[in-house]
Amino acid sequence: MAEIIRMPKMSDTMEEGVIAQWLKKVGDEIKPGDILAEVETDKATMELESYDEGILLHIGVEEKDSVPVNGVIAILGEKGEDIDELLKEIKSGGDGEASKESKEEPEEEQETTQSESDSKKGAEKIDTSEINATVITMPKMSDTMQEGTIASWLKKVGDEVKSGDVLAEVETDKATMELESYDDGTLLHIGVEEGDSVEVNGVIAIIGEKDADYETLLKAHKQEKEKPAGEDKAAPKAEKEEEKSSPKSESQPEKTADTGSSSSNGRIKASPLAKKMAKEKGIDISLVKGSGDGGRIIKKDIENFDPAKAPAAAAASTSAGVGQESFREEKVSQMRKVIAKRLAESKFTAPHFYLTMEINMDKAIEARKSMNEVAPVKISFNDMVIKAVAASLKQHPNVNSAWMGDKIRYNDHVHIGMAVAVEEGLLVPVIRFADSKSLSQISKESKTLAGKAKNKELQPKDWEGNTFTVSNLGMFGIDEFTAIINPPDACILAIGGIRQTPIVKDGEIVPGNLMKVTLSCDHRVVDGAIGSAFLQTIKNLLEDPVRLLI
């Protein structure tokens, strides 16, 4: 029987995915573990594996096109199998299950008896009281988690499991965590293969007595989950006819298949592991010859690559003619879509206003030099700013706040979010209770968190709970900028670089080192006078840094 392949939810923020490249074409034989396509999400480009075997009968999404989570990507089945009814069901807005379960039932009779059959299904509840087994579901490992990916199974079907044993490693877009068992028994069933995603509360495995009837337990769980689903399945006939009148061309799958291994758009075909290894070894992946399907670069190619034998990269010689206009367009990546959506929500929901102040860093430069002579870790100017911000927030609790709709939350604790640029975008790890930590502690923790962010090793506790955020672009030569507030914070502080400039001191013009900072405030929570007083306190602390040590 034909199996529908749907777009999995590959990260907690993913709403849709883009088919970057098909690695299989219609008519190909598929086995479990084969990679069907590369999918671009808001976080990364990931491989889409098949967990079924059969013939690839239909491809529903062309390369570079997007499809929502749970949208139909492809159909697998037996060679020559008729999937016309399944395609009609999908095109009419159904999920494809109705036609599979009642393929031989006349359409009119099916529509008239739909509500009746749904009510019968709901009434016939499966009894599982005699089954001594437990369904293991995907736990909610953070307050923002919506799904998890099984990175690897540490147990296999048939293994004896004890409470406290680690069953698997679960990966989100930011961290990999261990999934422990809280039951004793035999691992009877694994419901999610390695590399596949499952939503929170989705079935992962079943543990129980050996030879327990876990299949009945699965049916009961599925019945409970699908209970309310049948109420709004039937669509008006008029809508069905309208949708049927504009089906996609039958030649579309062949067109997709023809372009499955094309690299004419300049994209290098390589597995994510190969890309990661090439980056770690400093190898220009464009010089590596791929030995995988369609010239795809795989792990073995990186391991066997010899830079001395690699041909020199050809210089680009596509200079446009004099007066010739040209441009290129690229589809927006999933990460850019999410960033655009969230920043737009923050910018246009919270009424921003900005306060800029210059801070004389002469004494801070001297103090840092002196402290680094004895400090166990190198203290940066950013560490000093974070410490000054933390101390200032204790003096100005109104700034350490958040807009909650019908109330304002004033936080007694100080958790400083530290914006870190990574290859895929921007992450904000959190330094907790920063006001009670020394400069050396802040320096050590900030370096550790930045490293974890770049290696995607952050745990939920590392990125949750910020009450204020600091963003520093001074190291990139930026003198001054404004930052968009990181919800739910009420403020964010943008730090520019330290620049030597003439200043007036005791009636004389002398060289000085000035740093500009800009405070972005949510005017629903923080007013101009409050924000100005907060900046003045930061200025006083940095211009006389001995106060930071008190």
Protein backbone atom coordinates (compact mmCIF):
# COMPACT_ATOMS: atom_id res chain seq x y z
CA MET A 1 0.00 0.00 0.00
CA ALA A 2 1.20 3.47 -0.85
CA GLU A 3 2.85 5.53 1.91
CA ILE A 4 2.70 9.32 2.04
CA ILE A 5 5.96 11.13 2.88
CA ARG A 6 5.27 14.40 4.70
CA MET A 7 7.41 17.39 5.62
CA PRO A 8 8.73 16.69 9.15
CA LYS A 9 9.09 19.38 11.80
CA MET A 10 12.89 19.63 12.02
CA SER A 11 13.18 22.47 14.56
CA ASP A 12 11.03 24.07 17.26
CA THR A 13 10.47 27.20 15.12
CA MET A 14 9.98 25.48 11.76
CA GLU A 15 6.71 26.21 9.99
CA GLU A 16 7.70 25.17 6.48
CA GLY A 17 10.65 23.67 4.63
CA VAL A 18 12.20 24.24 1.22
CA ILE A 19 13.26 21.31 -0.96
CA ALA A 20 16.85 22.36 -1.68
CA GLN A 21 17.55 19.32 -3.83
CA TRP A 22 15.97 15.98 -4.73
CA LEU A 23 18.43 13.07 -4.59
CA LYS A 24 15.92 10.55 -5.95
CA LYS A 25 13.57 10.67 -8.93
CA VAL A 26 10.20 9.14 -9.78
CA GLY A 27 10.60 5.45 -10.52
CA ASP A 28 13.63 4.94 -8.27
CA GLU A 29 13.61 2.07 -5.81
CA ILE A 30 13.81 3.34 -2.23
CA LYS A 31 15.07 1.49 0.82
CA PRO A 32 14.91 2.49 4.51
CA GLY A 33 17.76 4.89 5.25
CA ASP A 34 17.98 6.25 1.70
CA ILE A 35 18.18 10.03 1.54
CA LEU A 36 15.31 11.35 -0.56
CA ALA A 37 16.12 15.06 -0.55
CA GLU A 38 17.88 17.91 1.22
CA VAL A 39 15.50 20.20 3.09
CA GLU A 40 16.31 23.78 4.00
CA THR A 41 14.76 24.87 7.31
CA ASP A 42 15.00 28.10 9.27
CA LYS A 43 18.05 26.67 11.08
CA ALA A 44 20.02 24.58 8.60
CA THR A 45 19.94 22.34 5.53
CA MET A 46 19.14 18.80 6.62
CA GLU A 47 18.78 15.41 4.97
CA LEU A 48 15.34 13.84 4.60
CA GLU A 49 15.59 10.08 5.01
CA SER A 50 13.07 7.44 4.02
CA TYR A 51 11.87 5.01 6.66
CA ASP A 52 9.86 2.93 4.20
CA GLU A 53 10.77 0.91 1.16
CA GLY A 54 9.15 0.85 -2.25
CA ILE A 55 9.11 2.74 -5.52
CA LEU A 56 9.04 6.55 -5.59
CA LEU A 57 5.67 6.97 -7.33
CA HIS A 58 5.11 10.71 -6.94
CA ILE A 59 7.01 13.88 -6.11
CA GLY A 60 4.72 16.68 -4.93
CA VAL A 61 7.18 19.54 -4.42
CA GLU A 62 9.66 20.90 -6.92
CA GLU A 63 13.17 21.97 -5.98
CA LYS A 64 13.36 25.44 -4.40
CA ASP A 65 9.64 25.32 -3.54
CA SER A 66 8.45 25.42 0.05
CA VAL A 67 5.91 23.17 1.75
CA PRO A 68 4.36 23.57 5.23
CA VAL A 69 5.10 21.13 8.03
CA ASN A 70 3.03 17.94 7.47
CA GLY A 71 2.53 18.89 3.81
CA VAL A 72 2.80 16.05 1.30
CA ILE A 73 6.28 15.75 -0.25
CA ALA A 74 6.17 12.40 -2.03
CA ILE A 75 4.45 9.02 -2.23
CA LEU A 76 6.10 5.59 -2.02
CA GLY A 77 4.42 2.34 -3.04
CA GLU A 78 4.58 -0.78 -5.13
CA LYS A 79 5.59 -0.65 -8.79
CA GLY A 80 2.58 0.10 -10.99
CA GLU A 81 0.33 0.86 -8.00
CA ASP A 82 -2.61 3.17 -8.79
CA ILE A 83 -2.39 6.30 -6.62
CA ASP A 84 -4.91 8.45 -8.55
CA GLU A 85 -7.50 8.32 -5.75
CA LEU A 86 -4.84 9.19 -3.19
CA LEU A 87 -3.71 12.19 -5.24
CA LYS A 88 -7.33 13.37 -5.62
CA GLU A 89 -7.84 13.13 -1.87
CA ILE A 90 -4.67 15.16 -1.23
CA LYS A 91 -5.55 17.80 -3.85
CA SER A 92 -9.05 18.18 -2.40
CA GLY A 93 -7.57 19.16 0.94
CA GLY A 94 -7.69 15.77 2.67
CA ASP A 95 -4.79 14.04 4.39
CA GLY A 96 -4.83 11.00 2.10
CA GLU A 97 -5.91 8.63 4.87
CA ALA A 98 -9.59 8.47 3.95
CA SER A 99 -8.96 7.09 0.48
CA LYS A 100 -6.51 4.51 1.84
CA GLU A 101 -8.94 3.21 4.47
CA SER A 102 -12.05 3.16 2.27
CA LYS A 103 -10.74 2.88 -1.28
CA GLU A 104 -13.60 0.72 -2.53
CA GLU A 105 -16.41 2.70 -0.87
CA PRO A 106 -18.45 4.91 -3.28
CA GLU A 107 -17.69 8.60 -2.82
CA GLU A 108 -21.29 9.72 -2.26
CA GLU A 109 -21.94 7.02 0.31
CA GLN A 110 -18.66 7.85 2.04
CA GLU A 111 -19.62 11.51 2.38
CA THR A 112 -23.11 10.78 3.74
CA THR A 113 -21.85 8.26 6.30
CA GLN A 114 -18.67 10.14 7.35
CA SER A 115 -20.08 11.63 10.55
CA GLU A 116 -21.77 8.33 11.45
CA SER A 117 -18.56 6.32 11.06
CA ASP A 118 -16.61 8.92 13.05
CA SER A 119 -19.03 8.63 15.94
CA LYS A 120 -18.77 4.83 15.85
CA LYS A 121 -14.98 4.99 15.96
CA GLY A 122 -15.15 7.26 18.95
CA ALA A 123 -17.61 4.92 20.69
CA GLU A 124 -15.55 1.76 20.19
CA LYS A 125 -12.81 2.49 22.67
CA ILE A 126 -9.98 -0.04 22.71
CA ASP A 127 -9.43 -1.73 26.08
CA THR A 128 -5.76 -1.72 27.12
CA SER A 129 -6.18 -2.47 30.82
CA GLU A 130 -4.72 -5.98 30.47
CA ILE A 131 -1.65 -4.85 28.50
CA ASN A 132 1.34 -4.48 30.82
CA ALA A 133 3.33 -1.95 28.78
CA THR A 134 3.93 1.80 28.71
CA VAL A 135 3.97 4.19 25.76
CA ILE A 136 7.03 6.50 25.83
CA THR A 137 6.27 9.90 24.26
CA MET A 138 8.49 12.83 23.34
CA PRO A 139 8.84 14.96 26.50
CA LYS A 140 8.73 18.76 26.47
CA MET A 141 12.35 19.52 27.33
CA SER A 142 12.01 23.32 27.34
CA ASP A 143 9.21 25.86 27.48
CA THR A 144 9.62 26.60 23.75
CA MET A 145 10.05 23.03 22.50
CA GLN A 146 7.48 21.74 20.03
CA GLU A 147 9.33 18.75 18.57
CA GLY A 148 12.52 16.71 18.86
CA THR A 149 14.73 14.72 16.51
CA ILE A 150 16.13 11.32 17.49
CA ALA A 151 19.86 11.82 16.95
CA SER A 152 20.73 8.24 17.93
CA TRP A 153 19.19 5.25 19.70
CA LEU A 154 21.28 3.79 22.52
CA LYS A 155 18.94 0.82 22.95
CA LYS A 156 17.41 -1.54 20.39
CA VAL A 157 14.21 -3.57 20.27
CA GLY A 158 14.49 -6.55 22.61
CA ASP A 159 16.91 -4.90 25.05
CA GLU A 160 16.18 -4.96 28.76
CA VAL A 161 15.66 -1.43 30.06
CA LYS A 162 15.87 -0.22 33.64
CA SER A 163 14.70 3.03 35.15
CA GLY A 164 17.43 5.63 34.60
CA ASP A 165 18.83 4.02 31.45
CA VAL A 166 19.40 6.43 28.57
CA LEU A 167 17.22 5.33 25.66
CA ALA A 168 18.27 7.86 23.02
CA GLU A 169 19.81 11.22 22.30
CA VAL A 170 17.25 13.88 21.33
CA GLU A 171 18.37 16.81 19.19
CA THR A 172 16.75 20.20 18.78
CA ASP A 173 18.10 23.05 16.66
CA LYS A 174 20.09 24.27 19.66
CA ALA A 175 21.04 21.27 21.79
CA THR A 176 21.32 17.49 22.10
CA MET A 177 19.94 15.94 25.30
CA GLU A 178 19.64 12.45 26.73
CA LEU A 179 16.24 10.76 26.98
CA GLU A 180 16.01 8.61 30.10
CA SER A 181 13.61 5.78 30.81
CA TYR A 182 11.46 5.95 33.93
CA ASP A 183 10.16 2.38 33.57
CA ASP A 184 11.59 -1.14 33.76
CA GLY A 185 10.93 -3.74 31.09
CA THR A 186 11.78 -4.79 27.56
CA LEU A 187 12.02 -2.33 24.67
CA LEU A 188 9.16 -3.72 22.56
CA HIS A 189 8.81 -1.06 19.87
CA ILE A 190 10.69 1.92 18.42
CA GLY A 191 8.35 4.39 16.75
CA VAL A 192 10.84 6.97 15.47
CA GLU A 193 13.94 6.15 13.47
CA GLU A 194 17.25 7.95 13.92
CA GLY A 195 17.24 11.33 12.19
CA ASP A 196 13.44 11.58 12.21
CA SER A 197 11.47 14.25 14.05
CA VAL A 198 8.47 13.80 16.29
CA GLU A 199 6.25 16.39 17.94
CA VAL A 200 5.99 16.76 21.72
CA ASN A 201 3.83 13.90 23.10
CA GLY A 202 4.37 11.90 19.90
CA VAL A 203 5.07 8.17 20.37
CA ILE A 204 8.78 7.32 20.56
CA ALA A 205 8.82 3.80 21.94
CA ILE A 206 7.00 1.21 24.04
CA ILE A 207 8.45 -0.54 27.10
CA GLY A 208 6.76 -3.42 28.90
CA GLU A 209 6.61 -7.14 29.53
CA LYS A 210 8.10 -9.38 26.88
CA ASP A 211 5.48 -10.43 24.27
CA ALA A 212 3.02 -7.76 25.48
CA ASP A 213 0.47 -6.75 22.82
CA TYR A 214 2.01 -3.35 22.06
CA GLU A 215 0.25 -3.09 18.68
CA THR A 216 -3.13 -2.80 20.40
CA LEU A 217 -1.61 -0.19 22.70
CA LEU A 218 -0.48 1.78 19.65
CA LYS A 219 -3.94 1.58 18.10
CA ALA A 220 -5.52 2.83 21.32
CA HIS A 221 -3.07 5.72 21.52
CA LYS A 222 -3.76 6.64 17.88
CA GLN A 223 -7.51 6.45 18.41
CA GLU A 224 -7.29 8.76 21.42
CA LYS A 225 -5.15 11.24 19.48
CA GLU A 226 -7.41 11.29 16.40
CA LYS A 227 -10.69 11.60 18.30
CA PRO A 228 -11.52 15.21 17.44
CA ALA A 229 -10.01 15.04 13.96
CA GLY A 230 -13.05 13.75 12.05
CA GLU A 231 -15.43 16.59 12.89
CA ASP A 232 -14.23 19.08 10.31
CA LYS A 233 -12.82 16.77 7.65
CA ALA A 234 -15.72 17.01 5.18
CA ALA A 235 -15.47 20.02 2.91
CA PRO A 236 -18.37 21.49 0.87
CA LYS A 237 -18.77 19.95 -2.60
CA ALA A 238 -18.45 23.32 -4.28
CA GLU A 239 -15.01 23.83 -2.81
CA LYS A 240 -13.93 20.34 -3.89
CA GLU A 241 -15.06 20.95 -7.46
CA GLU A 242 -13.24 24.28 -7.57
CA GLU A 243 -10.00 22.72 -6.34
CA LYS A 244 -10.34 19.79 -8.74
CA SER A 245 -10.67 22.15 -11.68
CA SER A 246 -7.05 23.32 -11.43
CA PRO A 247 -4.83 20.29 -10.76
CA LYS A 248 -1.09 20.40 -11.37
CA SER A 249 0.25 18.94 -14.57
CA GLU A 250 0.87 15.19 -14.51
CA SER A 251 4.31 15.83 -15.99
CA GLN A 252 5.43 17.72 -12.92
CA PRO A 253 7.04 14.73 -11.12
CA GLU A 254 9.14 13.96 -14.21
CA LYS A 255 10.27 17.56 -14.36
CA THR A 256 11.30 17.40 -10.72
CA ALA A 257 13.11 14.17 -11.26
CA ASP A 258 15.09 15.55 -14.18
CA THR A 259 16.50 18.32 -12.03
CA GLY A 260 17.16 16.13 -8.99
CA SER A 261 20.94 16.07 -9.30
CA SER A 262 21.42 19.39 -11.05
CA SER A 263 23.96 21.81 -9.68
CA SER A 264 23.56 24.46 -12.34
CA ASN A 265 22.48 26.94 -9.71
CA GLY A 266 26.00 26.85 -8.24
CA ARG A 267 25.01 24.95 -5.08
CA ILE A 268 27.58 22.39 -3.96
CA LYS A 269 26.04 18.98 -3.38
CA ALA A 270 27.42 17.64 -0.11
CA SER A 271 26.09 15.92 2.98
CA PRO A 272 25.84 18.03 6.16
CA LEU A 273 28.52 15.82 7.80
CA ALA A 274 30.88 16.38 4.86
CA LYS A 275 30.34 20.14 5.06
CA LYS A 276 31.04 20.12 8.80
CA MET A 277 34.22 18.05 8.40
CA ALA A 278 35.45 20.28 5.57
CA LYS A 279 34.92 23.37 7.71
CA GLU A 280 36.74 21.84 10.69
CA LYS A 281 39.71 20.81 8.52
CA GLY A 282 39.82 24.14 6.66
CA ILE A 283 39.14 22.46 3.31
CA ASP A 284 37.58 24.42 0.45
CA ILE A 285 34.73 22.03 -0.29
CA SER A 286 34.39 23.33 -3.84
CA LEU A 287 37.74 21.64 -4.64
CA VAL A 288 36.58 18.21 -3.45
CA LYS A 289 35.32 15.70 -6.02
CA GLY A 290 32.22 13.85 -4.84
CA SER A 291 31.81 10.09 -5.14
CA GLY A 292 28.20 9.88 -3.97
CA ASP A 293 24.99 9.85 -6.00
CA GLY A 294 25.11 12.49 -8.73
CA GLY A 295 28.58 13.64 -7.66
CA ARG A 296 27.48 14.34 -4.08
CA ILE A 297 30.34 14.90 -1.63
CA ILE A 298 30.26 12.48 1.30
CA LYS A 299 32.34 11.82 4.43
CA LYS A 300 34.78 9.50 2.63
CA ASP A 301 35.64 12.22 0.08
CA ILE A 302 36.67 14.66 2.81
CA GLU A 303 38.74 12.01 4.62
CA ASN A 304 40.59 11.10 1.40
CA PHE A 305 41.04 14.66 0.13
CA ASP A 306 44.64 15.70 -0.60
CA PRO A 307 44.98 19.51 -0.96
CA ALA A 308 48.30 19.08 -2.85
CA LYS A 309 46.54 17.18 -5.64
CA ALA A 310 43.52 19.46 -5.83
CA PRO A 311 43.21 21.66 -8.93
CA ALA A 312 43.45 25.39 -8.39
CA ALA A 313 40.07 27.04 -8.12
CA ALA A 314 39.10 28.64 -11.39
CA ALA A 315 38.92 32.40 -11.23
CA ALA A 316 35.54 33.85 -11.97
CA SER A 317 35.53 35.46 -15.38
CA THR A 318 31.95 36.51 -15.79
CA SER A 319 32.52 40.24 -15.96
CA ALA A 320 29.51 42.01 -17.37
CA GLY A 321 29.81 44.09 -20.51
CA VAL A 322 30.07 47.86 -20.24
CA GLY A 323 26.66 49.33 -19.47
CA GLN A 324 25.05 45.92 -19.12
CA GLU A 325 22.51 45.57 -16.30
CA SER A 326 22.29 42.30 -14.41
CA PHE A 327 20.98 40.89 -11.16
CA ARG A 328 20.17 37.60 -9.49
CA GLU A 329 17.39 36.55 -7.16
CA GLU A 330 17.41 33.88 -4.48
CA LYS A 331 14.54 32.48 -2.48
CA VAL A 332 14.53 33.55 1.15
CA SER A 333 15.94 30.87 3.48
CA GLN A 334 13.85 29.53 6.34
CA MET A 335 16.13 31.15 8.92
CA ARG A 336 15.76 34.56 7.27
CA LYS A 337 11.98 34.11 7.21
CA VAL A 338 11.85 33.43 10.95
CA ILE A 339 14.24 36.29 11.75
CA ALA A 340 12.19 38.66 9.60
CA LYS A 341 8.95 37.56 11.26
CA ARG A 342 10.19 37.83 14.84
CA LEU A 343 12.04 41.10 14.44
CA ALA A 344 9.07 42.62 12.63
CA GLU A 345 6.78 41.53 15.48
CA SER A 346 9.13 43.10 18.04
CA LYS A 347 9.73 46.28 16.05
CA PHE A 348 6.10 46.97 15.20
CA THR A 349 4.49 45.65 18.38
CA ALA A 350 6.75 47.32 20.94
CA PRO A 351 6.99 51.11 20.49
CA HIS A 352 10.79 51.58 20.41
CA PHE A 353 12.63 54.74 21.35
CA TYR A 354 16.38 55.21 21.59
CA LEU A 355 18.80 56.91 23.98
CA THR A 356 22.47 57.35 23.02
CA MET A 357 25.30 58.32 25.36
CA GLU A 358 29.09 58.70 25.09
CA ILE A 359 31.26 57.08 27.75
CA ASN A 360 34.90 57.99 28.38
CA MET A 361 36.76 54.67 28.55
CA ASP A 362 40.23 56.01 29.54
CA LYS A 363 40.06 54.62 33.07
CA ALA A 364 38.37 51.42 31.89
CA ILE A 365 41.31 50.79 29.52
CA GLU A 366 43.81 51.27 32.32
CA ALA A 367 41.79 49.13 34.75
CA ARG A 368 41.41 46.30 32.23
CA LYS A 369 45.15 46.26 31.56
CA SER A 370 45.85 46.07 35.28
CA MET A 371 43.22 43.40 35.95
CA ASN A 372 44.45 41.16 33.11
CA GLU A 373 47.87 41.03 34.74
CA VAL A 374 46.41 39.00 37.61
CA ALA A 375 43.05 37.70 36.32
CA PRO A 376 42.78 33.92 35.73
CA VAL A 377 41.01 34.60 32.40
CA LYS A 378 41.34 37.50 29.99
CA ILE A 379 38.73 40.16 30.74
CA SER A 380 37.24 41.95 27.73
CA PHE A 381 35.53 45.33 27.50
CA ASN A 382 32.30 43.44 26.80
CA ASP A 383 32.68 41.66 30.16
CA MET A 384 33.05 45.02 31.87
CA VAL A 385 29.93 46.33 30.10
CA ILE A 386 27.91 43.27 31.16
CA LYS A 387 29.03 43.71 34.76
CA ALA A 388 28.16 47.43 34.66
CA VAL A 389 24.75 46.68 33.14
CA ALA A 390 24.02 44.04 35.80
CA ALA A 391 24.96 46.42 38.62
CA SER A 392 22.87 49.21 37.06
CA LEU A 393 19.81 46.98 36.73
CA LYS A 394 19.84 46.39 40.50
CA GLN A 395 19.74 50.16 40.99
CA HIS A 396 17.05 50.65 38.32
CA PRO A 397 14.65 47.67 38.61
CA ASN A 398 12.11 49.36 36.33
CA VAL A 399 14.45 48.65 33.41
CA ASN A 400 14.77 44.98 34.39
CA SER A 401 11.19 44.35 33.34
CA ALA A 402 8.87 42.92 30.69
CA TRP A 403 5.52 43.85 29.12
CA MET A 404 3.03 41.01 29.79
CA GLY A 405 -0.06 42.47 28.09
CA ASP A 406 -2.30 43.33 31.06
CA LYS A 407 0.56 43.63 33.54
CA ILE A 408 4.25 44.53 33.81
CA ARG A 409 6.70 42.02 35.29
CA TYR A 410 9.55 43.49 37.37
CA ASN A 411 12.32 40.93 37.77
CA ASP A 412 14.29 40.76 41.01
CA HIS A 413 16.95 38.55 39.41
CA VAL A 414 19.36 39.74 36.71
CA HIS A 415 19.89 37.44 33.72
CA ILE A 416 21.85 39.13 30.92
CA GLY A 417 21.30 37.87 27.37
CA MET A 418 24.47 38.12 25.25
CA ALA A 419 23.89 38.29 21.48
CA VAL A 420 26.28 35.94 19.64
CA ALA A 421 26.59 35.83 15.85
CA VAL A 422 26.82 32.30 14.45
CA GLU A 423 27.03 31.06 10.89
CA GLU A 424 23.32 30.26 10.72
CA GLY A 425 22.09 33.49 12.34
CA LEU A 426 21.97 34.85 15.87
CA LEU A 427 21.73 33.17 19.29
CA VAL A 428 21.35 34.79 22.71
CA PRO A 429 22.85 32.68 25.53
CA VAL A 430 22.16 33.95 29.03
CA ILE A 431 24.54 34.80 31.88
CA ARG A 432 22.44 34.12 34.97
CA PHE A 433 22.62 36.20 38.15
CA ALA A 434 25.25 38.37 36.50
CA ASP A 435 25.00 40.98 39.27
CA SER A 436 26.42 38.52 41.84
CA LYS A 437 29.35 37.35 39.67
CA SER A 438 32.86 38.76 39.48
CA LEU A 439 34.40 40.03 36.25
CA SER A 440 36.48 36.86 35.99
CA GLN A 441 33.40 34.67 36.38
CA ILE A 442 31.50 36.67 33.76
CA SER A 443 34.48 36.49 31.39
CA LYS A 444 34.81 32.72 31.75
CA GLU A 445 31.08 32.12 31.37
CA SER A 446 30.69 34.42 28.36
CA LYS A 447 33.52 32.65 26.52
CA THR A 448 32.06 29.23 27.34
CA LEU A 449 28.58 30.20 26.18
CA ALA A 450 29.89 31.82 22.99
CA GLY A 451 31.78 28.62 22.17
CA LYS A 452 28.72 26.48 22.84
CA ALA A 453 26.60 28.76 20.64
CA LYS A 454 29.00 28.48 17.70
CA ASN A 455 29.13 24.66 18.10
CA LYS A 456 25.34 24.37 18.65
CA GLU A 457 25.89 22.78 22.06
CA LEU A 458 23.64 25.11 24.08
CA GLN A 459 21.20 23.48 26.50
CA PRO A 460 17.74 24.99 27.21
CA LYS A 461 18.96 26.54 30.47
CA ASP A 462 21.64 28.37 28.47
CA TRP A 463 19.26 30.36 26.25
CA GLU A 464 16.12 30.82 28.37
CA GLY A 465 15.13 33.43 30.95
CA ASN A 466 16.94 36.62 29.86
CA THR A 467 15.70 39.81 31.54
CA PHE A 468 17.94 42.23 29.58
CA THR A 469 20.09 41.86 26.44
CA VAL A 470 23.44 43.31 25.37
CA SER A 471 24.53 43.42 21.71
CA ASN A 472 28.12 44.42 20.93
CA LEU A 473 29.34 45.25 17.40
CA GLY A 474 32.33 47.29 18.52
CA MET A 475 34.76 44.52 17.55
CA PHE A 476 33.53 44.87 13.95
CA GLY A 477 34.48 48.54 13.78
CA ILE A 478 30.92 49.85 14.32
CA ASP A 479 30.87 53.18 16.15
CA GLU A 480 27.14 53.34 16.86
CA PHE A 481 23.96 51.39 16.05
CA THR A 482 20.44 50.71 17.32
CA ALA A 483 19.24 47.21 18.21
CA ILE A 484 15.74 45.72 18.11
CA ILE A 485 14.43 44.60 21.51
CA ASN A 486 14.71 40.88 22.25
CA PRO A 487 11.29 39.87 23.69
CA PRO A 488 10.23 39.59 26.43
CA ASP A 489 12.86 42.13 27.60
CA ALA A 490 11.87 45.77 27.86
CA CYS A 491 15.31 47.02 26.73
CA ILE A 492 18.43 46.10 24.80
CA LEU A 493 21.79 47.91 24.92
CA ALA A 494 23.80 48.33 21.71
CA ILE A 495 27.57 48.75 22.24
CA GLY A 496 29.78 50.50 19.70
CA GLY A 497 33.56 50.44 19.41
CA ILE A 498 36.04 52.51 21.44
CA ARG A 499 37.44 55.29 19.30
CA GLN A 500 40.26 57.71 20.16
CA THR A 501 39.01 61.24 19.64
CA PRO A 502 39.83 64.79 20.85
CA ILE A 503 38.00 65.75 24.05
CA VAL A 504 38.01 68.82 26.26
CA LYS A 505 39.49 68.21 29.70
CA ASP A 506 40.22 70.99 32.22
CA GLY A 507 39.84 73.56 29.44
CA GLU A 508 42.32 71.81 27.13
CA ILE A 509 41.86 69.60 24.10
CA VAL A 510 43.41 66.20 24.81
CA PRO A 511 43.08 62.74 23.24
CA GLY A 512 40.39 60.56 24.79
CA ASN A 513 38.82 57.16 24.22
CA LEU A 514 35.05 57.35 23.76
CA MET A 515 32.51 54.58 23.39
CA LYS A 516 28.91 55.16 22.29
CA VAL A 517 26.09 53.07 23.70
CA THR A 518 22.44 53.16 22.58
CA LEU A 519 19.58 51.93 24.73
CA SER A 520 16.48 50.70 22.85
CA CYS A 521 13.44 50.93 25.13
CA ASP A 522 9.89 49.61 24.99
CA HIS A 523 7.93 52.79 25.70
CA ARG A 524 5.06 50.76 27.18
CA VAL A 525 7.34 49.88 30.09
CA VAL A 526 10.31 52.27 30.24
CA ASP A 527 10.06 56.05 29.91
CA GLY A 528 12.80 58.42 28.78
CA ALA A 529 13.71 59.61 32.28
CA ILE A 530 14.07 56.03 33.57
CA GLY A 531 16.20 55.00 30.61
CA SER A 532 18.39 58.11 30.91
CA ALA A 533 19.04 57.49 34.61
CA PHE A 534 19.96 53.88 33.85
CA LEU A 535 22.48 54.95 31.17
CA GLN A 536 23.97 57.53 33.51
CA THR A 537 24.64 54.83 36.11
CA ILE A 538 26.38 52.66 33.49
CA LYS A 539 28.46 55.67 32.44
CA ASN A 540 29.52 56.37 36.04
CA LEU A 541 30.54 52.74 36.60
CA LEU A 542 32.62 52.45 33.41
CA GLU A 543 34.27 55.84 33.79
CA ASP A 544 35.32 54.84 37.32
CA PRO A 545 35.58 51.04 37.06
CA VAL A 546 36.81 50.54 40.61
CA ARG A 547 33.10 50.73 41.50
CA LEU A 548 32.54 47.48 39.61
CA LEU A 549 34.71 45.69 42.17
CA ILE A 550 32.67 46.79 45.16
